[in-house]
């Protein structure tokens, strides 16, 4: 599993940048980590060769308080809907409210 600190020092592609921008704007997170895991899936089904098809998002936002895991994931998916429709093949989501265990 890539180290989030290392992931931040690597070049960010347009899809990853869009994920960060949209989640920041729509959900106002207190913590946001986006990891491009596409290299681990090179040559697999869903790999479009762009290097930006598989992502992991770890997000903490006050808007997740009192919501179920499914409701939280729906908020993230709604924010990224068109990217999920055409650019992102796989998205792992870990969403929590402030104060919840990581």
N, C-alpha and C. Protein backbone atom coordinates (compact mmCIF):
# COMPACT_ATOMS: atom_id res chain seq x y z
N UNK A 1 0.86 -1.17 0.00
CA UNK A 1 0.00 0.00 0.00
C UNK A 1 0.90 1.23 0.00
N UNK A 2 0.66 2.18 -0.93
CA UNK A 2 1.49 3.37 -0.98
C UNK A 2 1.34 4.22 0.27
N UNK A 3 2.43 4.84 0.64
CA UNK A 3 2.43 5.75 1.78
C UNK A 3 1.81 7.07 1.34
N UNK A 4 0.74 7.56 2.01
CA UNK A 4 0.11 8.81 1.61
C UNK A 4 1.07 9.98 1.54
N UNK A 5 2.07 10.03 2.41
CA UNK A 5 3.03 11.13 2.37
C UNK A 5 3.85 11.07 1.08
N UNK A 6 4.22 9.87 0.65
CA UNK A 6 4.95 9.71 -0.59
C UNK A 6 4.06 10.04 -1.78
N UNK A 7 2.81 9.63 -1.71
CA UNK A 7 1.88 9.88 -2.81
C UNK A 7 1.73 11.37 -3.08
N UNK A 8 1.83 12.20 -2.04
CA UNK A 8 1.70 13.64 -2.22
C UNK A 8 2.89 14.24 -2.95
N UNK A 9 4.04 13.57 -2.93
CA UNK A 9 5.23 14.12 -3.56
C UNK A 9 5.35 13.69 -5.03
N UNK A 10 4.50 12.79 -5.49
CA UNK A 10 4.54 12.36 -6.87
C UNK A 10 3.67 13.29 -7.71
N UNK A 11 3.96 13.37 -9.01
CA UNK A 11 3.14 14.24 -9.86
C UNK A 11 1.66 13.85 -9.81
N UNK A 12 0.81 14.85 -9.81
CA UNK A 12 -0.63 14.63 -9.76
C UNK A 12 -1.19 14.82 -11.17
N UNK A 13 -1.93 13.81 -11.64
CA UNK A 13 -2.54 13.89 -12.95
C UNK A 13 -3.86 14.63 -12.90
N UNK A 14 -4.47 14.88 -14.05
CA UNK A 14 -5.72 15.65 -14.10
C UNK A 14 -6.90 14.98 -13.40
N UNK A 15 -7.00 13.67 -13.44
CA UNK A 15 -8.12 12.99 -12.77
C UNK A 15 -7.95 13.10 -11.25
N UNK A 16 -6.74 12.85 -10.77
CA UNK A 16 -6.49 12.97 -9.34
C UNK A 16 -6.72 14.40 -8.86
N UNK A 17 -6.28 15.36 -9.63
CA UNK A 17 -6.50 16.77 -9.28
C UNK A 17 -7.99 17.09 -9.21
N UNK A 18 -8.76 16.55 -10.15
CA UNK A 18 -10.21 16.77 -10.16
C UNK A 18 -10.86 16.13 -8.93
N UNK A 19 -10.41 14.95 -8.55
CA UNK A 19 -10.95 14.29 -7.35
C UNK A 19 -10.72 15.18 -6.14
N UNK A 20 -9.50 15.65 -5.96
CA UNK A 20 -9.16 16.50 -4.82
C UNK A 20 -10.01 17.77 -4.82
N UNK A 21 -10.09 18.43 -5.95
CA UNK A 21 -10.81 19.71 -6.04
C UNK A 21 -12.29 19.53 -5.74
N UNK A 22 -12.90 18.52 -6.32
CA UNK A 22 -14.35 18.32 -6.13
C UNK A 22 -14.70 17.93 -4.70
N UNK A 23 -13.93 17.01 -4.12
CA UNK A 23 -14.22 16.61 -2.75
C UNK A 23 -13.99 17.77 -1.79
N UNK A 24 -12.95 18.55 -2.03
CA UNK A 24 -12.69 19.71 -1.17
C UNK A 24 -13.82 20.72 -1.26
N UNK A 25 -14.31 20.97 -2.46
CA UNK A 25 -15.38 21.95 -2.66
C UNK A 25 -16.73 21.45 -2.16
N UNK A 26 -17.04 20.19 -2.43
CA UNK A 26 -18.37 19.67 -2.11
C UNK A 26 -18.54 19.24 -0.65
N UNK A 27 -17.48 18.71 -0.04
CA UNK A 27 -17.62 18.12 1.29
C UNK A 27 -16.84 18.84 2.38
N UNK A 28 -16.04 19.83 2.02
CA UNK A 28 -15.25 20.62 2.96
C UNK A 28 -14.58 19.72 4.02
N UNK A 29 -13.71 18.83 3.58
CA UNK A 29 -13.09 17.89 4.52
C UNK A 29 -12.08 18.55 5.46
N UNK A 30 -11.94 17.96 6.63
CA UNK A 30 -10.89 18.37 7.57
C UNK A 30 -9.62 17.58 7.28
N UNK A 31 -9.76 16.48 6.56
CA UNK A 31 -8.62 15.67 6.13
C UNK A 31 -9.00 14.99 4.82
N UNK A 32 -8.08 15.01 3.87
CA UNK A 32 -8.33 14.37 2.58
C UNK A 32 -7.02 13.79 2.06
N UNK A 33 -7.04 12.48 1.80
CA UNK A 33 -5.91 11.79 1.19
C UNK A 33 -6.45 11.08 -0.05
N UNK A 34 -5.82 11.36 -1.19
CA UNK A 34 -6.17 10.68 -2.43
C UNK A 34 -4.91 9.97 -2.92
N UNK A 35 -5.03 8.66 -3.09
CA UNK A 35 -3.88 7.86 -3.52
C UNK A 35 -4.22 7.22 -4.86
N UNK A 36 -3.36 7.46 -5.84
CA UNK A 36 -3.50 6.83 -7.14
C UNK A 36 -2.88 5.44 -7.06
N UNK A 37 -3.71 4.42 -7.13
CA UNK A 37 -3.25 3.03 -7.04
C UNK A 37 -3.22 2.35 -8.41
N UNK A 38 -3.29 3.12 -9.47
CA UNK A 38 -3.39 2.58 -10.82
C UNK A 38 -2.20 1.70 -11.20
N UNK A 39 -1.00 2.07 -10.76
CA UNK A 39 0.18 1.28 -11.12
C UNK A 39 0.07 -0.16 -10.62
N UNK A 40 -0.62 -0.35 -9.51
CA UNK A 40 -0.80 -1.70 -8.96
C UNK A 40 -1.78 -2.53 -9.79
N UNK A 41 -2.50 -1.88 -10.69
CA UNK A 41 -3.51 -2.56 -11.49
C UNK A 41 -3.19 -2.54 -12.98
N UNK A 42 -1.97 -2.15 -13.33
CA UNK A 42 -1.56 -2.08 -14.75
C UNK A 42 -1.76 -3.44 -15.41
N UNK A 43 -2.39 -3.41 -16.56
CA UNK A 43 -2.63 -4.63 -17.31
C UNK A 43 -3.87 -5.39 -16.89
N UNK A 44 -4.50 -4.98 -15.80
CA UNK A 44 -5.72 -5.64 -15.34
C UNK A 44 -6.93 -5.07 -16.07
N UNK A 45 -8.03 -5.76 -15.95
CA UNK A 45 -9.28 -5.26 -16.52
C UNK A 45 -9.60 -3.91 -15.89
N UNK A 46 -9.99 -2.96 -16.70
CA UNK A 46 -10.30 -1.62 -16.21
C UNK A 46 -9.14 -0.66 -16.33
N UNK A 47 -7.93 -1.17 -16.60
CA UNK A 47 -6.78 -0.30 -16.80
C UNK A 47 -6.86 0.26 -18.21
N UNK A 48 -7.07 1.56 -18.31
CA UNK A 48 -7.21 2.18 -19.63
C UNK A 48 -5.88 2.71 -20.17
N UNK A 49 -4.79 2.48 -19.44
CA UNK A 49 -3.48 2.92 -19.88
C UNK A 49 -3.16 4.36 -19.52
N UNK A 50 -4.10 5.07 -18.91
CA UNK A 50 -3.89 6.48 -18.57
C UNK A 50 -3.05 6.66 -17.31
N UNK A 51 -2.97 5.61 -16.50
CA UNK A 51 -2.29 5.72 -15.21
C UNK A 51 -3.15 6.40 -14.17
N UNK A 52 -4.43 6.61 -14.49
CA UNK A 52 -5.37 7.24 -13.56
C UNK A 52 -6.73 6.57 -13.62
N UNK A 53 -6.76 5.29 -13.26
CA UNK A 53 -8.02 4.54 -13.32
C UNK A 53 -8.44 3.95 -11.97
N UNK A 54 -7.52 3.84 -11.03
CA UNK A 54 -7.79 3.22 -9.73
C UNK A 54 -7.31 4.15 -8.62
N UNK A 55 -8.22 4.50 -7.70
CA UNK A 55 -7.89 5.43 -6.63
C UNK A 55 -8.41 4.95 -5.29
N UNK A 56 -7.75 5.45 -4.23
CA UNK A 56 -8.21 5.25 -2.86
C UNK A 56 -8.36 6.63 -2.25
N UNK A 57 -9.52 6.88 -1.62
CA UNK A 57 -9.81 8.15 -0.97
C UNK A 57 -10.03 7.90 0.52
N UNK A 58 -9.33 8.65 1.34
CA UNK A 58 -9.56 8.65 2.78
C UNK A 58 -9.96 10.08 3.13
N UNK A 59 -11.19 10.24 3.58
CA UNK A 59 -11.73 11.57 3.79
C UNK A 59 -12.42 11.66 5.15
N UNK A 60 -12.16 12.77 5.83
CA UNK A 60 -12.83 13.07 7.10
C UNK A 60 -13.56 14.39 6.90
N UNK A 61 -14.85 14.40 7.17
CA UNK A 61 -15.63 15.62 6.97
C UNK A 61 -16.77 15.70 7.99
N UNK A 62 -17.05 16.90 8.49
CA UNK A 62 -18.16 17.07 9.43
C UNK A 62 -19.50 16.63 8.84
N UNK A 63 -19.66 16.74 7.53
CA UNK A 63 -20.92 16.37 6.90
C UNK A 63 -21.23 14.88 7.01
N UNK A 64 -20.25 14.07 7.41
CA UNK A 64 -20.46 12.63 7.56
C UNK A 64 -21.02 12.26 8.93
N UNK A 65 -21.05 13.19 9.85
CA UNK A 65 -21.54 12.90 11.20
C UNK A 65 -22.97 12.36 11.13
N UNK A 66 -23.22 11.32 11.87
CA UNK A 66 -24.54 10.68 11.98
C UNK A 66 -25.03 10.03 10.69
N UNK A 67 -24.16 9.89 9.68
CA UNK A 67 -24.54 9.19 8.45
C UNK A 67 -23.98 7.78 8.46
N UNK A 68 -24.68 6.87 7.81
CA UNK A 68 -24.20 5.50 7.68
C UNK A 68 -23.02 5.47 6.71
N UNK A 69 -22.30 4.36 6.72
CA UNK A 69 -21.18 4.17 5.79
C UNK A 69 -21.65 4.31 4.35
N UNK A 70 -22.80 3.73 4.05
CA UNK A 70 -23.34 3.78 2.69
C UNK A 70 -23.70 5.21 2.30
N UNK A 71 -24.32 5.95 3.20
CA UNK A 71 -24.69 7.35 2.91
C UNK A 71 -23.44 8.20 2.67
N UNK A 72 -22.39 7.94 3.42
CA UNK A 72 -21.13 8.67 3.23
C UNK A 72 -20.54 8.38 1.86
N UNK A 73 -20.54 7.12 1.48
CA UNK A 73 -20.01 6.74 0.18
C UNK A 73 -20.84 7.33 -0.95
N UNK A 74 -22.14 7.42 -0.74
CA UNK A 74 -23.00 8.03 -1.76
C UNK A 74 -22.65 9.50 -1.97
N UNK A 75 -22.35 10.21 -0.88
CA UNK A 75 -21.95 11.62 -1.01
C UNK A 75 -20.67 11.75 -1.83
N UNK A 76 -19.71 10.89 -1.56
CA UNK A 76 -18.45 10.92 -2.32
C UNK A 76 -18.73 10.56 -3.78
N UNK A 77 -19.49 9.50 -4.01
CA UNK A 77 -19.80 9.09 -5.38
C UNK A 77 -20.56 10.17 -6.14
N UNK A 78 -21.47 10.86 -5.47
CA UNK A 78 -22.23 11.94 -6.11
C UNK A 78 -21.28 13.07 -6.54
N UNK A 79 -20.33 13.39 -5.71
CA UNK A 79 -19.37 14.44 -6.01
C UNK A 79 -18.51 14.09 -7.23
N UNK A 80 -18.25 12.81 -7.41
CA UNK A 80 -17.36 12.36 -8.49
C UNK A 80 -18.09 11.63 -9.61
N UNK A 81 -19.39 11.81 -9.71
CA UNK A 81 -20.24 11.01 -10.60
C UNK A 81 -19.73 10.94 -12.04
N UNK A 82 -19.44 12.05 -12.66
CA UNK A 82 -19.03 11.99 -14.07
C UNK A 82 -17.65 11.37 -14.23
N UNK A 83 -16.77 11.52 -13.24
CA UNK A 83 -15.47 10.87 -13.31
C UNK A 83 -15.62 9.36 -13.17
N UNK A 84 -16.54 8.93 -12.32
CA UNK A 84 -16.80 7.49 -12.17
C UNK A 84 -17.43 6.91 -13.43
N UNK A 85 -18.12 7.73 -14.16
CA UNK A 85 -18.79 7.28 -15.38
C UNK A 85 -17.82 7.11 -16.54
N UNK A 86 -16.72 7.85 -16.53
CA UNK A 86 -15.86 7.78 -17.70
C UNK A 86 -14.38 7.60 -17.46
N UNK A 87 -13.86 7.99 -16.30
CA UNK A 87 -12.42 7.97 -16.09
C UNK A 87 -11.96 7.01 -15.01
N UNK A 88 -12.71 6.90 -13.94
CA UNK A 88 -12.29 6.09 -12.79
C UNK A 88 -12.93 4.70 -12.89
N UNK A 89 -12.09 3.68 -12.89
CA UNK A 89 -12.61 2.31 -12.94
C UNK A 89 -12.90 1.78 -11.54
N UNK A 90 -12.03 2.15 -10.58
CA UNK A 90 -12.19 1.64 -9.21
C UNK A 90 -11.89 2.76 -8.22
N UNK A 91 -12.74 2.85 -7.18
CA UNK A 91 -12.56 3.86 -6.15
C UNK A 91 -12.84 3.23 -4.80
N UNK A 92 -11.82 3.14 -3.97
CA UNK A 92 -11.97 2.67 -2.59
C UNK A 92 -12.17 3.90 -1.72
N UNK A 93 -13.17 3.86 -0.86
CA UNK A 93 -13.51 5.03 -0.04
C UNK A 93 -13.47 4.66 1.43
N UNK A 94 -12.78 5.47 2.21
CA UNK A 94 -12.82 5.37 3.67
C UNK A 94 -13.26 6.75 4.15
N UNK A 95 -14.50 6.86 4.60
CA UNK A 95 -15.07 8.14 4.99
C UNK A 95 -15.43 8.11 6.47
N UNK A 96 -15.03 9.17 7.18
CA UNK A 96 -15.34 9.24 8.61
C UNK A 96 -15.62 10.69 9.00
N UNK A 97 -16.28 10.84 10.12
CA UNK A 97 -16.54 12.16 10.69
C UNK A 97 -15.40 12.50 11.64
N UNK A 98 -15.17 13.79 11.90
CA UNK A 98 -14.13 14.16 12.86
C UNK A 98 -14.36 13.49 14.22
N UNK A 99 -13.27 13.00 14.79
CA UNK A 99 -13.36 12.36 16.10
C UNK A 99 -13.54 10.85 16.02
N UNK A 100 -13.90 10.32 14.87
CA UNK A 100 -14.05 8.88 14.73
C UNK A 100 -12.67 8.24 14.52
N UNK A 101 -12.54 7.00 14.94
CA UNK A 101 -11.28 6.28 14.77
C UNK A 101 -10.95 6.13 13.29
N UNK A 102 -9.68 6.25 12.99
CA UNK A 102 -9.22 6.15 11.60
C UNK A 102 -9.25 4.75 11.06
